[in-house]
N, C-alpha and C. Protein backbone atom coordinates (compact mmCIF):
# COMPACT_ATOMS: atom_id res chain seq x y z
N UNK A 1 103.02 80.77 -6.47
CA UNK A 1 101.98 80.23 -5.64
C UNK A 1 102.06 78.73 -5.58
N UNK A 2 103.11 78.12 -5.99
CA UNK A 2 103.24 76.67 -5.96
C UNK A 2 103.22 76.15 -4.52
N UNK A 3 102.79 74.89 -4.39
CA UNK A 3 102.67 74.30 -3.08
C UNK A 3 103.66 73.14 -2.95
N UNK A 4 104.31 73.03 -1.85
CA UNK A 4 105.32 71.97 -1.62
C UNK A 4 104.70 70.63 -1.46
N UNK A 5 105.43 69.59 -1.94
CA UNK A 5 104.97 68.22 -1.71
C UNK A 5 104.88 67.98 -0.24
N UNK A 6 103.88 67.19 0.19
CA UNK A 6 103.70 66.85 1.62
C UNK A 6 103.04 68.01 2.39
N UNK A 7 102.50 68.97 1.65
CA UNK A 7 101.83 70.10 2.30
C UNK A 7 100.62 69.63 3.08
N UNK A 8 100.28 70.36 4.16
CA UNK A 8 99.13 70.06 5.00
C UNK A 8 98.02 71.06 4.73
N UNK A 9 96.81 70.69 5.18
CA UNK A 9 95.74 71.67 5.12
C UNK A 9 96.12 72.87 5.98
N UNK A 10 95.79 74.05 5.52
CA UNK A 10 96.13 75.23 6.27
C UNK A 10 94.91 76.18 6.21
N UNK A 11 94.96 77.22 7.03
CA UNK A 11 93.86 78.18 7.05
C UNK A 11 94.29 79.38 6.23
N UNK A 12 93.43 79.73 5.27
CA UNK A 12 93.62 80.98 4.51
C UNK A 12 92.57 81.96 4.97
N UNK A 13 92.92 83.23 4.97
CA UNK A 13 92.05 84.28 5.46
C UNK A 13 91.73 85.18 4.28
N UNK A 14 90.43 85.49 4.09
CA UNK A 14 90.02 86.42 3.08
C UNK A 14 89.86 87.76 3.79
N UNK A 15 90.53 88.80 3.25
CA UNK A 15 90.57 90.12 3.88
C UNK A 15 90.04 91.18 2.97
N UNK A 16 89.42 92.18 3.54
CA UNK A 16 89.08 93.38 2.80
C UNK A 16 90.33 94.22 2.69
N UNK A 17 90.81 94.43 1.45
CA UNK A 17 92.03 95.18 1.21
C UNK A 17 91.68 96.61 0.89
N UNK A 18 92.45 97.53 1.48
CA UNK A 18 92.20 98.95 1.32
C UNK A 18 92.86 99.54 0.08
N UNK A 19 92.45 100.75 -0.29
CA UNK A 19 93.08 101.44 -1.37
C UNK A 19 94.44 101.99 -0.91
N UNK A 20 95.28 102.41 -1.83
CA UNK A 20 96.64 102.85 -1.51
C UNK A 20 96.64 104.01 -0.53
N UNK A 21 95.75 105.03 -0.67
CA UNK A 21 95.80 106.15 0.30
C UNK A 21 95.50 105.70 1.74
N UNK A 22 94.57 104.80 1.91
CA UNK A 22 94.28 104.31 3.28
C UNK A 22 95.44 103.48 3.82
N UNK A 23 96.03 102.61 2.98
CA UNK A 23 97.21 101.87 3.38
C UNK A 23 98.31 102.82 3.85
N UNK A 24 98.56 103.88 3.10
CA UNK A 24 99.60 104.86 3.46
C UNK A 24 99.23 105.58 4.74
N UNK A 25 97.99 105.91 4.92
CA UNK A 25 97.55 106.58 6.18
C UNK A 25 97.77 105.69 7.40
N UNK A 26 97.47 104.42 7.23
CA UNK A 26 97.66 103.48 8.33
C UNK A 26 99.13 103.25 8.62
N UNK A 27 99.99 103.24 7.61
CA UNK A 27 101.43 103.17 7.88
C UNK A 27 101.89 104.39 8.63
N UNK A 28 101.41 105.57 8.26
CA UNK A 28 101.75 106.77 8.99
C UNK A 28 101.26 106.71 10.43
N UNK A 29 100.08 106.17 10.68
CA UNK A 29 99.60 106.00 12.04
C UNK A 29 100.54 105.05 12.80
N UNK A 30 100.93 103.96 12.19
CA UNK A 30 101.89 103.03 12.86
C UNK A 30 103.17 103.72 13.25
N UNK A 31 103.72 104.51 12.33
CA UNK A 31 104.96 105.28 12.64
C UNK A 31 104.77 106.19 13.78
N UNK A 32 103.63 106.90 13.81
CA UNK A 32 103.34 107.83 14.90
C UNK A 32 103.18 107.12 16.22
N UNK A 33 102.56 105.95 16.16
CA UNK A 33 102.38 105.14 17.41
C UNK A 33 103.78 104.71 17.92
N UNK A 34 104.64 104.27 17.03
CA UNK A 34 106.00 103.89 17.48
C UNK A 34 106.71 105.07 18.11
N UNK A 35 106.57 106.26 17.52
CA UNK A 35 107.18 107.46 18.10
C UNK A 35 106.63 107.74 19.50
N UNK A 36 105.33 107.39 19.68
CA UNK A 36 104.67 107.63 20.99
C UNK A 36 105.01 106.49 21.98
N UNK A 37 105.82 105.52 21.57
CA UNK A 37 106.20 104.43 22.48
C UNK A 37 105.35 103.19 22.43
N UNK A 38 104.43 103.13 21.45
CA UNK A 38 103.59 101.94 21.32
C UNK A 38 104.32 101.00 20.37
N UNK A 39 104.47 99.76 20.81
CA UNK A 39 105.19 98.76 20.03
C UNK A 39 104.34 98.31 18.86
N UNK A 40 104.67 98.75 17.65
CA UNK A 40 103.97 98.35 16.45
C UNK A 40 105.02 97.75 15.48
N UNK A 41 104.64 96.81 14.69
CA UNK A 41 105.64 96.19 13.79
C UNK A 41 106.12 97.20 12.70
N UNK A 42 107.43 97.31 12.57
CA UNK A 42 107.97 98.19 11.50
C UNK A 42 107.70 97.59 10.13
N UNK A 43 107.66 96.31 10.01
CA UNK A 43 107.39 95.59 8.75
C UNK A 43 106.33 94.55 8.99
N UNK A 44 105.03 94.94 9.01
CA UNK A 44 103.98 93.93 9.27
C UNK A 44 104.01 92.83 8.26
N UNK A 45 103.61 91.62 8.71
CA UNK A 45 103.60 90.44 7.85
C UNK A 45 102.53 90.52 6.76
N UNK A 46 101.45 91.28 7.03
CA UNK A 46 100.35 91.36 6.10
C UNK A 46 99.93 92.81 5.88
N UNK A 47 99.29 93.06 4.79
CA UNK A 47 98.73 94.38 4.50
C UNK A 47 97.74 94.77 5.58
N UNK A 48 97.46 96.06 5.81
CA UNK A 48 96.36 96.44 6.66
C UNK A 48 95.08 95.91 6.03
N UNK A 49 94.16 95.43 6.87
CA UNK A 49 92.94 94.85 6.31
C UNK A 49 91.89 94.70 7.39
N UNK A 50 90.68 94.34 6.91
CA UNK A 50 89.60 93.88 7.75
C UNK A 50 89.42 92.40 7.42
N UNK A 51 89.49 91.51 8.39
CA UNK A 51 89.26 90.09 8.11
C UNK A 51 87.81 89.89 7.74
N UNK A 52 87.59 89.15 6.65
CA UNK A 52 86.24 88.86 6.20
C UNK A 52 85.83 87.45 6.66
N UNK A 53 86.72 86.46 6.39
CA UNK A 53 86.49 85.10 6.88
C UNK A 53 87.79 84.31 6.81
N UNK A 54 87.80 83.22 7.48
CA UNK A 54 88.90 82.25 7.39
C UNK A 54 88.34 80.94 6.99
N UNK A 55 89.09 80.20 6.14
CA UNK A 55 88.58 78.91 5.68
C UNK A 55 89.72 77.99 5.49
N UNK A 56 89.45 76.70 5.69
CA UNK A 56 90.51 75.69 5.44
C UNK A 56 90.78 75.57 3.95
N UNK A 57 92.08 75.29 3.65
CA UNK A 57 92.50 75.10 2.26
C UNK A 57 93.28 73.81 2.23
N UNK A 58 92.81 72.82 1.48
CA UNK A 58 93.49 71.56 1.41
C UNK A 58 94.81 71.66 0.67
N UNK A 59 95.69 70.71 0.85
CA UNK A 59 96.91 70.69 0.03
C UNK A 59 96.57 70.73 -1.43
N UNK A 60 97.26 71.58 -2.17
CA UNK A 60 97.02 71.71 -3.59
C UNK A 60 95.83 72.57 -3.92
N UNK A 61 95.15 73.14 -2.92
CA UNK A 61 93.92 73.88 -3.16
C UNK A 61 94.04 75.38 -3.31
N UNK A 62 95.24 75.90 -3.30
CA UNK A 62 95.42 77.35 -3.30
C UNK A 62 94.77 77.99 -4.56
N UNK A 63 95.04 77.43 -5.72
CA UNK A 63 94.52 78.03 -6.94
C UNK A 63 92.97 78.03 -6.93
N UNK A 64 92.36 76.92 -6.48
CA UNK A 64 90.92 76.87 -6.43
C UNK A 64 90.37 77.87 -5.42
N UNK A 65 91.05 78.00 -4.29
CA UNK A 65 90.63 78.98 -3.27
C UNK A 65 90.67 80.38 -3.84
N UNK A 66 91.78 80.72 -4.50
CA UNK A 66 91.94 82.05 -5.10
C UNK A 66 90.89 82.29 -6.18
N UNK A 67 90.60 81.28 -6.94
CA UNK A 67 89.56 81.42 -7.99
C UNK A 67 88.18 81.66 -7.36
N UNK A 68 87.88 80.96 -6.24
CA UNK A 68 86.60 81.18 -5.57
C UNK A 68 86.51 82.63 -5.07
N UNK A 69 87.61 83.14 -4.52
CA UNK A 69 87.64 84.56 -4.01
C UNK A 69 87.48 85.51 -5.20
N UNK A 70 88.07 85.27 -6.31
CA UNK A 70 87.95 86.16 -7.50
C UNK A 70 86.49 86.14 -7.97
N UNK A 71 85.87 84.97 -8.01
CA UNK A 71 84.44 84.94 -8.43
C UNK A 71 83.55 85.72 -7.46
N UNK A 72 83.80 85.58 -6.19
CA UNK A 72 82.99 86.31 -5.20
C UNK A 72 83.28 87.81 -5.28
N UNK A 73 84.53 88.20 -5.45
CA UNK A 73 84.87 89.64 -5.49
C UNK A 73 84.20 90.35 -6.66
N UNK A 74 84.00 89.63 -7.79
CA UNK A 74 83.37 90.23 -8.95
C UNK A 74 81.89 90.60 -8.65
N UNK A 75 81.32 90.02 -7.55
CA UNK A 75 79.93 90.30 -7.22
C UNK A 75 79.77 91.31 -6.12
N UNK A 76 80.85 91.71 -5.46
CA UNK A 76 80.78 92.57 -4.29
C UNK A 76 81.29 93.95 -4.65
N UNK A 77 80.52 95.00 -4.31
CA UNK A 77 80.97 96.36 -4.63
C UNK A 77 82.04 96.85 -3.68
N UNK A 78 82.85 97.76 -4.18
CA UNK A 78 83.78 98.47 -3.29
C UNK A 78 82.97 99.26 -2.30
N UNK A 79 83.59 99.60 -1.17
CA UNK A 79 82.84 100.31 -0.13
C UNK A 79 83.80 101.31 0.60
N UNK A 80 83.23 102.46 0.97
CA UNK A 80 83.98 103.42 1.74
C UNK A 80 84.15 102.92 3.18
N UNK A 81 85.26 103.30 3.79
CA UNK A 81 85.49 102.95 5.17
C UNK A 81 86.12 104.11 5.90
N UNK A 82 85.63 104.37 7.10
CA UNK A 82 86.20 105.39 7.98
C UNK A 82 86.57 104.68 9.27
N UNK A 83 87.87 104.72 9.60
CA UNK A 83 88.37 104.14 10.84
C UNK A 83 88.52 105.31 11.80
N UNK A 84 87.58 105.39 12.75
CA UNK A 84 87.47 106.53 13.64
C UNK A 84 87.34 106.16 15.08
N UNK A 85 87.61 104.90 15.41
CA UNK A 85 87.54 104.43 16.78
C UNK A 85 88.74 103.55 17.11
N UNK A 86 89.15 103.52 18.35
CA UNK A 86 90.32 102.73 18.76
C UNK A 86 89.90 101.84 19.90
N UNK A 87 90.52 100.67 20.01
CA UNK A 87 90.21 99.79 21.13
C UNK A 87 91.22 98.65 21.17
N UNK A 88 91.01 97.74 22.12
CA UNK A 88 91.84 96.54 22.20
C UNK A 88 90.94 95.36 22.44
N UNK A 89 91.45 94.19 22.03
CA UNK A 89 90.76 92.93 22.25
C UNK A 89 91.61 92.06 23.16
N UNK A 90 90.97 91.35 24.05
CA UNK A 90 91.56 90.24 24.76
C UNK A 90 92.78 90.49 25.60
N UNK A 91 93.26 89.39 26.17
CA UNK A 91 94.44 89.44 27.03
C UNK A 91 95.70 89.74 26.26
N UNK A 92 95.73 89.43 24.98
CA UNK A 92 96.90 89.70 24.16
C UNK A 92 97.03 91.17 23.82
N UNK A 93 96.08 91.94 24.29
CA UNK A 93 96.05 93.40 24.08
C UNK A 93 96.31 93.73 22.60
N UNK A 94 95.41 93.30 21.76
CA UNK A 94 95.46 93.59 20.34
C UNK A 94 94.86 94.99 20.09
N UNK A 95 95.69 95.90 19.59
CA UNK A 95 95.24 97.30 19.33
C UNK A 95 94.66 97.35 17.92
N UNK A 96 93.48 97.95 17.86
CA UNK A 96 92.79 98.03 16.55
C UNK A 96 92.19 99.38 16.31
N UNK A 97 92.05 99.71 15.05
CA UNK A 97 91.27 100.88 14.60
C UNK A 97 89.99 100.32 13.99
N UNK A 98 88.85 100.90 14.36
CA UNK A 98 87.60 100.40 13.87
C UNK A 98 86.64 101.54 13.55
N UNK A 99 85.35 101.24 13.51
CA UNK A 99 84.35 102.16 13.07
C UNK A 99 83.35 102.46 14.20
N UNK A 100 83.09 103.73 14.40
CA UNK A 100 82.06 104.08 15.40
C UNK A 100 80.67 103.61 14.88
N UNK A 101 80.46 103.79 13.55
CA UNK A 101 79.21 103.36 12.92
C UNK A 101 79.49 102.19 12.02
N UNK A 102 79.47 100.96 12.53
CA UNK A 102 79.84 99.81 11.71
C UNK A 102 78.75 99.30 10.78
N UNK A 103 77.56 99.94 10.86
CA UNK A 103 76.41 99.41 10.08
C UNK A 103 76.68 99.24 8.58
N UNK A 104 77.19 100.24 7.88
CA UNK A 104 77.40 100.07 6.41
C UNK A 104 78.44 98.96 6.17
N UNK A 105 79.49 98.87 6.98
CA UNK A 105 80.45 97.80 6.72
C UNK A 105 79.90 96.42 7.13
N UNK A 106 79.03 96.37 8.12
CA UNK A 106 78.42 95.08 8.45
C UNK A 106 77.55 94.62 7.28
N UNK A 107 76.80 95.53 6.70
CA UNK A 107 75.99 95.19 5.51
C UNK A 107 76.88 94.70 4.38
N UNK A 108 78.00 95.39 4.14
CA UNK A 108 78.97 94.99 3.09
C UNK A 108 79.51 93.59 3.42
N UNK A 109 79.88 93.38 4.68
CA UNK A 109 80.46 92.09 5.13
C UNK A 109 79.44 90.97 4.89
N UNK A 110 78.19 91.20 5.19
CA UNK A 110 77.18 90.15 4.96
C UNK A 110 77.10 89.78 3.49
N UNK A 111 77.15 90.81 2.59
CA UNK A 111 77.09 90.54 1.17
C UNK A 111 78.35 89.83 0.68
N UNK A 112 79.53 90.25 1.19
CA UNK A 112 80.76 89.61 0.85
C UNK A 112 80.80 88.16 1.30
N UNK A 113 80.34 87.92 2.55
CA UNK A 113 80.29 86.56 3.09
C UNK A 113 79.35 85.68 2.29
N UNK A 114 78.21 86.21 1.88
CA UNK A 114 77.29 85.41 1.09
C UNK A 114 77.90 85.09 -0.27
N UNK A 115 78.60 86.02 -0.89
CA UNK A 115 79.24 85.72 -2.20
C UNK A 115 80.35 84.69 -2.02
N UNK A 116 81.11 84.78 -0.95
CA UNK A 116 82.20 83.80 -0.72
C UNK A 116 81.61 82.44 -0.46
N UNK A 117 80.53 82.37 0.29
CA UNK A 117 79.86 81.11 0.58
C UNK A 117 79.33 80.47 -0.69
N UNK A 118 78.70 81.33 -1.53
CA UNK A 118 78.19 80.88 -2.82
C UNK A 118 79.30 80.33 -3.72
N UNK A 119 80.52 80.89 -3.54
CA UNK A 119 81.67 80.45 -4.36
C UNK A 119 82.32 79.17 -3.75
N UNK A 120 81.77 78.70 -2.64
CA UNK A 120 82.24 77.45 -2.09
C UNK A 120 83.13 77.51 -0.89
N UNK A 121 83.35 78.68 -0.33
CA UNK A 121 84.19 78.79 0.86
C UNK A 121 83.34 78.80 2.13
N UNK A 122 83.79 78.04 3.11
CA UNK A 122 83.03 77.87 4.36
C UNK A 122 83.83 78.59 5.49
N UNK A 123 83.21 79.60 6.09
CA UNK A 123 83.87 80.34 7.15
C UNK A 123 84.14 79.47 8.35
N UNK A 124 85.37 79.53 8.86
CA UNK A 124 85.76 78.76 10.03
C UNK A 124 85.98 79.64 11.28
N UNK A 125 85.81 80.96 11.10
CA UNK A 125 86.04 81.88 12.20
C UNK A 125 84.70 82.33 12.76
N UNK A 126 84.38 81.97 14.00
CA UNK A 126 83.13 82.37 14.60
C UNK A 126 83.02 83.90 14.69
N UNK A 127 84.11 84.56 14.92
CA UNK A 127 84.07 86.04 15.03
C UNK A 127 83.89 86.72 13.70
N UNK A 128 83.93 85.98 12.59
CA UNK A 128 83.73 86.57 11.28
C UNK A 128 82.35 86.22 10.73
N UNK A 129 81.51 85.62 11.55
CA UNK A 129 80.14 85.29 11.09
C UNK A 129 79.33 86.56 10.97
N UNK A 130 78.54 86.70 9.89
CA UNK A 130 77.67 87.85 9.80
C UNK A 130 76.80 88.00 11.06
N UNK A 131 76.72 89.23 11.55
CA UNK A 131 76.00 89.48 12.77
C UNK A 131 76.89 89.50 14.00
N UNK A 132 78.04 88.82 13.93
CA UNK A 132 79.01 88.82 15.05
C UNK A 132 80.23 89.62 14.72
N UNK A 133 80.44 89.87 13.43
CA UNK A 133 81.66 90.48 12.92
C UNK A 133 81.82 91.92 13.44
N UNK A 134 82.99 92.25 13.90
CA UNK A 134 83.32 93.60 14.35
C UNK A 134 84.41 94.12 13.40
N UNK A 135 84.08 95.08 12.52
CA UNK A 135 85.08 95.56 11.55
C UNK A 135 86.20 96.26 12.31
N UNK A 136 87.44 95.75 12.12
CA UNK A 136 88.57 96.39 12.78
C UNK A 136 89.84 96.01 12.02
N UNK A 137 90.80 96.94 12.12
CA UNK A 137 92.13 96.72 11.50
C UNK A 137 93.13 96.62 12.62
N UNK A 138 93.74 95.47 12.76
CA UNK A 138 94.71 95.26 13.83
C UNK A 138 96.02 96.04 13.46
N UNK A 139 96.48 96.82 14.43
CA UNK A 139 97.68 97.64 14.21
C UNK A 139 98.88 97.15 15.06
N UNK A 140 98.61 96.50 16.21
CA UNK A 140 99.70 96.08 17.08
C UNK A 140 99.15 94.99 18.04
N UNK A 141 100.08 94.24 18.58
CA UNK A 141 99.74 93.21 19.53
C UNK A 141 100.63 93.39 20.79
N UNK A 142 100.16 92.88 21.89
CA UNK A 142 100.87 92.93 23.16
C UNK A 142 101.20 94.38 23.56
N UNK A 143 100.16 95.21 23.58
CA UNK A 143 100.34 96.60 23.96
C UNK A 143 99.77 96.80 25.36
N UNK A 144 100.16 97.91 25.98
CA UNK A 144 99.49 98.34 27.22
C UNK A 144 98.24 99.06 26.78
N UNK A 145 97.06 98.46 27.06
CA UNK A 145 95.83 98.97 26.42
C UNK A 145 95.56 100.47 26.58
N UNK A 146 95.50 100.96 27.77
CA UNK A 146 95.07 102.37 27.95
C UNK A 146 95.97 103.35 27.19
N UNK A 147 97.28 103.30 27.38
CA UNK A 147 98.11 104.28 26.65
C UNK A 147 98.09 104.07 25.13
N UNK A 148 98.02 102.84 24.68
CA UNK A 148 97.97 102.54 23.24
C UNK A 148 96.71 103.11 22.61
N UNK A 149 95.55 102.85 23.26
CA UNK A 149 94.30 103.36 22.72
C UNK A 149 94.30 104.91 22.71
N UNK A 150 94.80 105.53 23.78
CA UNK A 150 94.85 107.01 23.82
C UNK A 150 95.76 107.54 22.69
N UNK A 151 96.88 106.89 22.45
CA UNK A 151 97.78 107.32 21.41
C UNK A 151 97.12 107.19 20.03
N UNK A 152 96.47 106.07 19.81
CA UNK A 152 95.84 105.84 18.50
C UNK A 152 94.71 106.83 18.25
N UNK A 153 93.92 107.15 19.28
CA UNK A 153 92.81 108.07 19.07
C UNK A 153 93.30 109.43 18.60
N UNK A 154 94.53 109.81 18.95
CA UNK A 154 95.09 111.09 18.50
C UNK A 154 95.34 111.16 17.01
N UNK A 155 95.35 109.96 16.34
CA UNK A 155 95.69 109.93 14.93
C UNK A 155 94.55 109.46 14.06
N UNK A 156 93.35 109.39 14.60
CA UNK A 156 92.18 109.00 13.87
C UNK A 156 91.28 110.21 13.71
N UNK A 157 90.44 110.30 12.70
CA UNK A 157 90.08 109.23 11.78
C UNK A 157 91.04 109.17 10.56
N UNK A 158 91.03 108.02 9.93
CA UNK A 158 91.60 107.81 8.60
C UNK A 158 90.52 107.17 7.75
N UNK A 159 90.54 107.49 6.48
CA UNK A 159 89.45 107.00 5.61
C UNK A 159 89.97 106.60 4.22
N UNK A 160 89.18 105.79 3.56
CA UNK A 160 89.49 105.33 2.24
C UNK A 160 88.45 104.40 1.75
N UNK A 161 88.86 103.40 0.95
CA UNK A 161 87.91 102.45 0.37
C UNK A 161 88.47 101.00 0.53
N UNK A 162 87.55 100.10 0.68
CA UNK A 162 87.88 98.68 0.49
C UNK A 162 87.70 98.46 -1.00
N UNK A 163 88.80 98.08 -1.69
CA UNK A 163 88.75 97.93 -3.13
C UNK A 163 89.06 96.51 -3.66
N UNK A 164 89.40 95.61 -2.79
CA UNK A 164 89.74 94.24 -3.22
C UNK A 164 89.58 93.27 -2.10
N UNK A 165 89.53 91.99 -2.43
CA UNK A 165 89.64 90.93 -1.43
C UNK A 165 91.03 90.33 -1.58
N UNK A 166 91.76 90.29 -0.45
CA UNK A 166 93.10 89.69 -0.47
C UNK A 166 92.98 88.34 0.27
N UNK A 167 93.84 87.45 -0.10
CA UNK A 167 93.94 86.15 0.61
C UNK A 167 95.33 86.11 1.26
N UNK A 168 95.33 85.84 2.58
CA UNK A 168 96.60 85.70 3.30
C UNK A 168 96.59 84.39 4.03
N UNK A 169 97.75 83.87 4.32
CA UNK A 169 97.87 82.58 5.03
C UNK A 169 98.18 82.87 6.52
N UNK A 170 97.46 82.21 7.41
CA UNK A 170 97.72 82.29 8.84
C UNK A 170 99.18 81.80 9.04
N UNK A 171 99.98 82.61 9.65
CA UNK A 171 101.39 82.27 9.90
C UNK A 171 102.29 82.60 8.70
N UNK A 172 101.71 83.05 7.61
CA UNK A 172 102.50 83.39 6.43
C UNK A 172 102.78 84.86 6.35
N UNK A 173 103.21 85.32 5.21
CA UNK A 173 103.48 86.72 5.00
C UNK A 173 103.08 87.11 3.56
N UNK A 174 102.58 88.31 3.41
CA UNK A 174 102.16 88.79 2.08
C UNK A 174 100.88 88.19 1.60
N UNK A 175 100.46 88.58 0.40
CA UNK A 175 99.25 88.09 -0.20
C UNK A 175 99.48 86.77 -0.92
N UNK A 176 98.54 85.84 -0.76
CA UNK A 176 98.49 84.66 -1.57
C UNK A 176 97.77 84.98 -2.89
N UNK A 177 96.75 85.88 -2.82
CA UNK A 177 95.97 86.26 -3.97
C UNK A 177 95.35 87.63 -3.69
N UNK A 178 94.98 88.33 -4.74
CA UNK A 178 94.31 89.65 -4.61
C UNK A 178 93.31 89.71 -5.78
N UNK A 179 92.05 90.01 -5.44
CA UNK A 179 90.97 90.10 -6.43
C UNK A 179 90.22 91.42 -6.25
N UNK A 180 90.19 92.24 -7.32
CA UNK A 180 89.48 93.52 -7.19
C UNK A 180 87.98 93.32 -7.02
N UNK A 181 87.37 94.24 -6.25
CA UNK A 181 85.92 94.26 -6.11
C UNK A 181 85.28 94.88 -7.33
N UNK A 182 83.98 94.65 -7.45
CA UNK A 182 83.21 95.29 -8.53
C UNK A 182 83.10 96.77 -8.21
N UNK A 183 83.42 97.59 -9.19
CA UNK A 183 83.29 99.05 -9.13
C UNK A 183 83.74 99.58 -7.85
């Protein structure tokens, strides 16, 4: 996790990380979508997740950022998640799996956001603000919306648990940090 000399401020994203069975189910969904002709990444840059917030991280600040996430994660319970809805966002045609009943996850997100804010992280993503947040797991980008959504709906629902908070870097790959949730 070392940082290079001359590093610039960057955006780190705190994500709700799923348990291994849900990760495996989502990988299987991606394979099935590719078989159906939907362009999905064979090797995604990041784990499947729900974005919780994005925050600036100053040069040399990665360890402090990760520590703040770990402190917050210790206060936030694990939560069940059912991804049973499909849709797309925006002109980039971002294909996502989400929740028909987002209420329980929105409540969880509000608690997680409050814990992260108390730990010193300031959310920079308007779409991740409590009350505006739409729980979704991005599966592909630049898709033809109607056929992609129809193909995805054939492979839902998938279910599991959010069991950790992961930190990923915008434009990076893999986890910068991973902190288990309480229980």
